[in-house]
Amino acid sequence: MKKNAHLNPSWYVVYTYPQAEKQVRNKVNELGYETFLPMQKEVRQWSDRKKEIEAPLFPNYVFVKTSSQERFNLMKVRGLVNFISFGGTPVSIPEEEIESIKKVLCGNPVVSSTADNYHIGDRVTITKGQFAGTEGILVRENGKSRFVVQLQALKQSVSIDISKDYLSTCTFS
């Protein structure tokens, strides 16, 4: 049983010192908390070579599942600066957004070209497949659509290519 399972844990975002994301994730895990550090492969160029590395998808951010009562225990972790807050209250990230990021990172969406009347800037929801239920904004059409999943608390975006026939327009509240 996780250390904080009895206190109704939620996902929060912590801000880290530059390049301390993995260190913070590892230390928080050692303390018995669940973490999520989305990574992406990047090619880095040095003067003598190129190398493919894994880098954080959201630099300086780590997702931590904890209760609001226990988040103070994490403030002593070296490299952790603070919890992302608005109006002095730490922002809780819905489980669905964490799952959406995980799907984007490991998914291979189907691409096809069907003619619908979508326009750049339309608010859409994915209705089929592994991304079903994910909402975002259509930002590009070019034979296929570019679908953006936006995390409001981070003001960051993750983009995926997805078939138009997997989309429908929606309204955000």
Protein backbone atom coordinates (compact mmCIF):
# COMPACT_ATOMS: atom_id res chain seq x y z
CA MET A 1 0.00 0.00 0.00
CA LYS A 2 1.32 3.42 -0.92
CA LYS A 3 2.29 5.69 1.90
CA ASN A 4 -0.36 8.29 1.04
CA ALA A 5 -3.13 6.07 -0.38
CA HIS A 6 -5.45 6.66 2.60
CA LEU A 7 -5.53 10.46 2.18
CA ASN A 8 -7.27 10.74 -1.24
CA PRO A 9 -4.20 11.65 -3.30
CA SER A 10 -4.33 13.81 -6.42
CA TRP A 11 -1.81 14.70 -9.10
CA TYR A 12 0.10 17.94 -8.56
CA VAL A 13 2.89 19.56 -10.55
CA VAL A 14 6.17 20.47 -8.90
CA TYR A 15 8.66 22.92 -10.35
CA THR A 16 12.30 21.82 -10.21
CA TYR A 17 15.68 23.43 -10.65
CA PRO A 18 16.96 23.17 -14.25
CA GLN A 19 17.96 19.63 -15.20
CA ALA A 20 16.90 18.26 -11.80
CA GLU A 21 13.72 16.53 -12.98
CA LYS A 22 15.08 12.96 -12.83
CA GLN A 23 16.74 13.55 -9.47
CA VAL A 24 13.51 14.93 -8.00
CA ARG A 25 11.45 12.08 -9.49
CA ASN A 26 13.81 9.46 -8.04
CA LYS A 27 13.91 11.02 -4.57
CA VAL A 28 10.12 11.47 -4.42
CA ASN A 29 9.70 7.83 -5.50
CA GLU A 30 12.09 6.75 -2.71
CA LEU A 31 9.81 8.54 -0.24
CA GLY A 32 6.93 6.32 -1.40
CA TYR A 33 5.01 8.69 -3.67
CA GLU A 34 3.93 8.02 -7.23
CA THR A 35 5.47 10.28 -9.87
CA PHE A 36 5.22 10.82 -13.61
CA LEU A 37 7.99 12.41 -15.66
CA PRO A 38 7.03 12.42 -19.35
CA MET A 39 10.12 11.97 -21.52
CA GLN A 40 10.76 12.42 -25.24
CA LYS A 41 13.65 11.43 -27.48
CA GLU A 42 15.72 14.30 -28.86
CA VAL A 43 18.79 14.45 -31.05
CA ARG A 44 21.44 16.73 -29.53
CA GLN A 45 24.31 18.09 -31.59
CA TRP A 46 27.76 18.46 -30.08
CA SER A 47 30.75 19.81 -31.98
CA ASP A 48 32.02 16.28 -32.74
CA ARG A 49 28.88 14.12 -32.75
CA LYS A 50 25.12 13.76 -32.58
CA LYS A 51 23.46 11.76 -29.84
CA GLU A 52 19.87 10.72 -29.19
CA ILE A 53 18.87 11.40 -25.60
CA GLU A 54 15.72 11.29 -23.51
CA ALA A 55 14.68 14.72 -22.25
CA PRO A 56 11.69 15.86 -20.20
CA LEU A 57 8.66 16.74 -22.31
CA PHE A 58 7.96 19.61 -19.87
CA PRO A 59 11.34 20.93 -18.67
CA ASN A 60 11.45 21.74 -14.93
CA TYR A 61 8.16 19.94 -14.17
CA VAL A 62 7.42 16.62 -12.45
CA PHE A 63 3.95 15.27 -11.72
CA VAL A 64 3.52 13.94 -8.17
CA LYS A 65 0.56 12.04 -6.74
CA THR A 66 0.06 13.06 -3.13
CA SER A 67 -2.55 14.48 -0.81
CA SER A 68 -2.72 18.18 -0.08
CA GLN A 69 -1.87 17.39 3.58
CA GLU A 70 1.31 15.48 2.67
CA ARG A 71 2.71 17.80 0.02
CA PHE A 72 4.66 19.69 2.68
CA ASN A 73 6.72 16.51 3.29
CA LEU A 74 8.06 16.85 -0.25
CA MET A 75 9.34 20.40 0.12
CA LYS A 76 12.58 19.12 1.65
CA VAL A 77 13.48 17.17 -1.52
CA ARG A 78 16.65 18.60 -3.02
CA GLY A 79 15.99 20.12 -6.45
CA LEU A 80 12.27 20.67 -5.85
CA VAL A 81 11.49 24.38 -5.89
CA ASN A 82 7.74 24.52 -5.28
CA PHE A 83 4.31 23.22 -6.21
CA ILE A 84 2.68 25.03 -9.13
CA SER A 85 0.01 27.23 -7.56
CA PHE A 86 -2.54 29.81 -8.61
CA GLY A 87 -3.83 32.21 -6.02
CA GLY A 88 -1.74 30.46 -3.37
CA THR A 89 -3.47 27.10 -3.92
CA PRO A 90 -1.56 24.19 -5.50
CA VAL A 91 -3.14 23.14 -8.79
CA SER A 92 -4.50 19.61 -8.93
CA ILE A 93 -4.24 17.88 -12.34
CA PRO A 94 -7.12 15.54 -13.25
CA GLU A 95 -6.20 11.88 -13.69
CA GLU A 96 -7.62 12.08 -17.24
CA GLU A 97 -4.98 14.64 -18.26
CA ILE A 98 -2.18 12.43 -16.92
CA GLU A 99 -3.65 9.50 -18.85
CA SER A 100 -3.90 11.64 -22.00
CA ILE A 101 -0.21 12.49 -21.83
CA LYS A 102 0.67 8.83 -21.33
CA LYS A 103 -1.43 7.90 -24.38
CA VAL A 104 0.25 10.58 -26.48
CA LEU A 105 3.71 9.37 -25.49
CA CYS A 106 3.11 5.69 -26.24
CA GLY A 107 0.40 5.82 -28.91
CA ASN A 108 0.53 5.41 -32.64
CA PRO A 109 -2.70 6.97 -33.86
CA VAL A 110 -4.19 5.92 -37.19
CA VAL A 111 -3.95 8.51 -39.94
CA SER A 112 -6.43 8.78 -42.81
CA SER A 113 -7.90 11.56 -44.86
CA THR A 114 -11.62 12.17 -44.74
CA ALA A 115 -13.14 15.49 -45.70
CA ASP A 116 -14.99 17.17 -42.85
CA ASN A 117 -15.54 20.85 -42.23
CA TYR A 118 -13.01 21.43 -39.47
CA HIS A 119 -11.19 24.72 -39.26
CA ILE A 120 -8.02 25.81 -37.51
CA GLY A 121 -8.92 26.88 -33.99
CA ASP A 122 -11.90 24.53 -33.66
CA ARG A 123 -12.34 22.98 -30.25
CA VAL A 124 -12.54 19.23 -30.78
CA THR A 125 -12.79 15.98 -28.90
CA ILE A 126 -11.45 12.60 -30.00
CA THR A 127 -14.34 10.15 -30.26
CA LYS A 128 -12.63 6.86 -31.17
CA GLY A 129 -9.47 4.89 -30.51
CA GLN A 130 -6.92 5.07 -27.75
CA PHE A 131 -7.35 8.84 -27.34
CA ALA A 132 -11.15 8.74 -26.97
CA GLY A 133 -12.39 11.46 -24.60
CA THR A 134 -9.34 13.71 -24.99
CA GLU A 135 -10.17 17.33 -25.82
CA GLY A 136 -8.09 20.04 -27.46
CA ILE A 137 -7.77 22.56 -30.27
CA LEU A 138 -7.18 21.79 -33.96
CA VAL A 139 -4.09 23.72 -34.98
CA ARG A 140 -3.25 22.41 -38.44
CA GLU A 141 -4.74 20.59 -41.42
CA ASN A 142 -2.56 19.20 -44.16
CA GLY A 143 -4.20 16.05 -45.47
CA LYS A 144 -4.25 14.98 -41.84
CA SER A 145 -5.02 16.97 -38.69
CA ARG A 146 -2.78 18.09 -35.92
CA PHE A 147 -4.60 17.74 -32.61
CA VAL A 148 -3.39 19.64 -29.53
CA VAL A 149 -3.92 18.37 -25.98
CA GLN A 150 -3.42 21.35 -23.69
CA LEU A 151 -2.74 21.17 -19.98
CA GLN A 152 -4.29 24.32 -18.57
CA ALA A 153 -2.32 24.28 -15.33
CA LEU A 154 1.05 24.16 -17.11
CA LYS A 155 0.22 26.36 -20.09
CA GLN A 156 2.00 23.69 -22.15
CA SER A 157 0.85 21.65 -25.15
CA VAL A 158 1.42 18.20 -26.55
CA SER A 159 0.63 17.62 -30.24
CA ILE A 160 -0.37 14.42 -32.03
CA ASP A 161 -1.31 13.57 -35.63
CA ILE A 162 -4.74 11.98 -35.80
CA SER A 163 -7.33 11.16 -38.42
CA LYS A 164 -10.17 13.65 -38.91
CA ASP A 165 -12.69 10.83 -38.65
CA TYR A 166 -11.61 10.40 -35.03
CA LEU A 167 -12.69 13.98 -34.19
CA SER A 168 -15.89 15.85 -33.44
CA THR A 169 -16.46 19.45 -32.46
CA CYS A 170 -17.10 20.14 -28.81
CA THR A 171 -17.73 22.97 -26.41
CA PHE A 172 -15.51 23.67 -23.43
CA SER A 173 -17.02 24.93 -20.22
